[in-house]
Amino acid sequence: MRWEELDQQPCSLARTLSVIGDRWTLMVLRDCFLGVRRFEAFERRLGITRHLLADRLKKLVEAGVLIKSPYQERPLREEYRLTEKGLELHPVLLALVQWGDRHMADQRGAPVLHRHKGCGQIMRPVLVCSECGEPVTARDVLVEQGRGWEGEEVVPRKQQG
């Protein structure tokens, strides 16, 4: 499987990685969720080259994750805003942050806390079953082929549980 062919794979994870699967794209998305919208602000915060940043922003716009929105007419200047599709990536980033807080933080703990607006408490993301509401871990899930699958088996038989 070649990197540039991920979007053609019969796998939702591979297709997702074709859009957000590199470190700079994830860092751009992190900053989007922190309220960064303008090219120069991304460039300053990330220390990324203009060419690489422009490429990542273009890719996110083409994928419908971000939209360009004018904030000045003359000269035309645009900022980048998350679309609904982009906002739906929030749980993905929160899960990565939680893993980092657990396994990569130093003795001082998490560098950033997330407060739930609804109850006012510091929260951590929890994956729950959409049907019964119980927390879900990797050991609680069986993977099965869906209607959209093409090709080899999803899970080799020797690994099934």
Protein backbone atom coordinates (compact mmCIF):
# COMPACT_ATOMS: atom_id res chain seq x y z
CA MET A 1 0.00 0.00 0.00
CA ARG A 2 1.49 3.33 -1.06
CA TRP A 3 0.96 6.50 0.98
CA GLU A 4 -0.56 8.41 -1.94
CA GLU A 5 -3.09 5.58 -2.48
CA LEU A 6 -4.52 5.52 1.06
CA ASP A 7 -7.67 7.36 0.00
CA GLN A 8 -8.49 4.47 -2.35
CA GLN A 9 -8.27 1.73 0.29
CA PRO A 10 -11.40 -0.11 1.49
CA CYS A 11 -10.59 0.95 5.05
CA SER A 12 -11.95 3.99 6.86
CA LEU A 13 -8.77 4.42 8.88
CA ALA A 14 -6.62 4.46 5.74
CA ARG A 15 -8.95 6.97 4.08
CA THR A 16 -8.88 9.17 7.17
CA LEU A 17 -5.08 9.03 7.30
CA SER A 18 -5.00 10.20 3.69
CA VAL A 19 -6.43 13.50 4.98
CA ILE A 20 -5.02 13.93 8.51
CA GLY A 21 -2.24 11.36 8.71
CA ASP A 22 0.87 13.47 9.05
CA ARG A 23 2.26 15.37 12.02
CA TRP A 24 1.92 18.87 10.54
CA THR A 25 -1.73 18.37 9.61
CA LEU A 26 -2.51 17.22 13.15
CA MET A 27 -0.68 20.23 14.58
CA VAL A 28 -2.62 22.57 12.25
CA LEU A 29 -5.85 20.94 13.44
CA ARG A 30 -4.78 21.30 17.08
CA ASP A 31 -4.29 25.01 16.52
CA CYS A 32 -7.64 25.29 14.72
CA PHE A 33 -9.34 23.89 17.82
CA LEU A 34 -7.40 26.41 19.91
CA GLY A 35 -8.88 29.23 17.81
CA VAL A 36 -6.04 29.93 15.38
CA ARG A 37 -7.40 30.98 11.98
CA ARG A 38 -4.86 33.03 10.08
CA PHE A 39 -1.95 31.78 8.01
CA GLU A 40 0.64 33.96 9.75
CA ALA A 41 -0.53 32.79 13.17
CA PHE A 42 -0.20 29.12 12.15
CA GLU A 43 3.24 29.85 10.72
CA ARG A 44 4.40 31.66 13.87
CA ARG A 45 3.02 29.09 16.32
CA LEU A 46 4.18 26.00 14.45
CA GLY A 47 7.51 27.18 13.06
CA ILE A 48 6.60 25.46 9.80
CA THR A 49 7.75 26.62 6.36
CA ARG A 50 5.23 28.66 4.35
CA HIS A 51 5.23 26.11 1.54
CA LEU A 52 4.50 23.16 3.84
CA LEU A 53 1.83 25.07 5.75
CA ALA A 54 0.13 26.21 2.53
CA ASP A 55 0.13 22.60 1.31
CA ARG A 56 -1.45 21.26 4.52
CA LEU A 57 -4.09 24.00 4.64
CA LYS A 58 -4.95 23.46 0.97
CA LYS A 59 -5.34 19.73 1.55
CA LEU A 60 -7.67 20.32 4.53
CA VAL A 61 -9.75 22.78 2.49
CA GLU A 62 -9.97 20.35 -0.46
CA ALA A 63 -11.08 17.59 1.94
CA GLY A 64 -13.82 19.82 3.37
CA VAL A 65 -12.28 19.91 6.86
CA LEU A 66 -11.59 23.66 6.67
CA ILE A 67 -13.09 26.50 4.68
CA LYS A 68 -11.44 29.75 3.69
CA SER A 69 -13.41 32.75 4.87
CA PRO A 70 -12.55 36.36 3.92
CA TYR A 71 -11.87 38.73 6.81
CA GLN A 72 -10.58 41.64 4.70
CA GLU A 73 -11.59 42.86 1.23
CA ARG A 74 -8.66 44.98 -0.01
CA PRO A 75 -6.34 43.30 -0.22
CA LEU A 76 -8.29 40.07 0.04
CA ARG A 77 -7.26 38.17 3.14
CA GLU A 78 -8.75 34.90 4.24
CA GLU A 79 -8.76 32.86 7.40
CA TYR A 80 -9.35 29.16 7.91
CA ARG A 81 -12.34 27.88 9.83
CA LEU A 82 -13.36 24.37 10.80
CA THR A 83 -16.38 22.99 8.96
CA GLU A 84 -18.83 20.57 10.56
CA LYS A 85 -16.71 17.79 9.09
CA GLY A 86 -13.66 19.36 10.73
CA LEU A 87 -15.40 19.80 14.08
CA GLU A 88 -16.17 16.07 14.05
CA LEU A 89 -12.41 15.46 14.35
CA HIS A 90 -12.44 16.89 17.88
CA PRO A 91 -12.88 13.50 19.60
CA VAL A 92 -9.95 12.15 17.58
CA LEU A 93 -7.66 14.92 18.78
CA LEU A 94 -8.94 14.60 22.36
CA ALA A 95 -8.16 10.87 22.31
CA LEU A 96 -4.62 11.57 21.10
CA VAL A 97 -4.18 14.23 23.77
CA GLN A 98 -5.42 11.86 26.46
CA TRP A 99 -2.95 9.19 25.34
CA GLY A 100 -0.17 11.78 25.39
CA ASP A 101 -1.19 12.96 28.87
CA ARG A 102 -1.06 9.39 30.11
CA HIS A 103 2.11 8.20 28.40
CA MET A 104 4.15 11.23 27.36
CA ALA A 105 3.66 13.87 30.07
CA ASP A 106 6.39 14.52 32.60
CA GLN A 107 6.04 14.53 36.39
CA ARG A 108 4.12 17.83 36.28
CA GLY A 109 1.22 16.15 34.48
CA ALA A 110 -0.94 17.27 31.59
CA PRO A 111 0.14 20.55 29.99
CA VAL A 112 -3.44 21.44 28.96
CA LEU A 113 -6.70 20.70 30.76
CA HIS A 114 -10.13 20.43 29.17
CA ARG A 115 -13.11 21.83 31.08
CA HIS A 116 -16.62 20.72 30.14
CA LYS A 117 -18.76 23.83 29.64
CA GLY A 118 -21.92 21.97 30.69
CA CYS A 119 -20.88 20.94 34.21
CA GLY A 120 -17.77 23.07 34.72
CA GLN A 121 -15.54 20.10 35.59
CA ILE A 122 -12.15 19.15 34.18
CA MET A 123 -12.88 16.18 31.93
CA ARG A 124 -11.17 13.43 30.05
CA PRO A 125 -12.69 11.85 26.95
CA VAL A 126 -14.31 8.44 27.36
CA LEU A 127 -15.36 6.24 24.46
CA VAL A 128 -18.76 4.69 25.11
CA CYS A 129 -20.97 2.26 23.23
CA SER A 130 -23.57 4.11 21.16
CA GLU A 131 -26.17 1.47 22.06
CA CYS A 132 -25.80 0.83 25.81
CA GLY A 133 -23.65 3.76 27.01
CA GLU A 134 -21.00 1.57 28.67
CA PRO A 135 -17.32 2.56 28.37
CA VAL A 136 -15.51 0.71 25.59
CA THR A 137 -11.87 -0.41 25.41
CA ALA A 138 -10.04 -2.39 22.72
CA ARG A 139 -10.76 -5.62 24.60
CA ASP A 140 -14.51 -4.94 24.44
CA VAL A 141 -14.79 -4.78 20.63
CA LEU A 142 -15.03 -7.45 17.94
CA VAL A 143 -14.20 -6.33 14.41
CA GLU A 144 -16.41 -7.64 11.60
CA GLN A 145 -16.54 -6.93 7.90
CA GLY A 146 -19.14 -4.37 6.87
CA ARG A 147 -21.01 -3.96 3.59
CA GLY A 148 -18.43 -1.47 2.31
CA TRP A 149 -15.51 -3.89 2.63
CA GLU A 150 -13.70 -5.17 -0.45
CA GLY A 151 -10.69 -7.44 -0.64
CA GLU A 152 -8.99 -9.60 1.97
CA GLU A 153 -10.53 -10.43 5.30
CA VAL A 154 -10.65 -7.56 7.80
CA VAL A 155 -9.03 -9.63 10.54
CA PRO A 156 -6.94 -12.74 9.87
CA ARG A 157 -8.73 -15.78 11.31
CA LYS A 158 -5.86 -16.64 13.65
CA GLN A 159 -6.30 -13.28 15.45
CA GLN A 160 -10.05 -13.47 15.90
CA GLY A 161 -11.20 -14.03 19.34
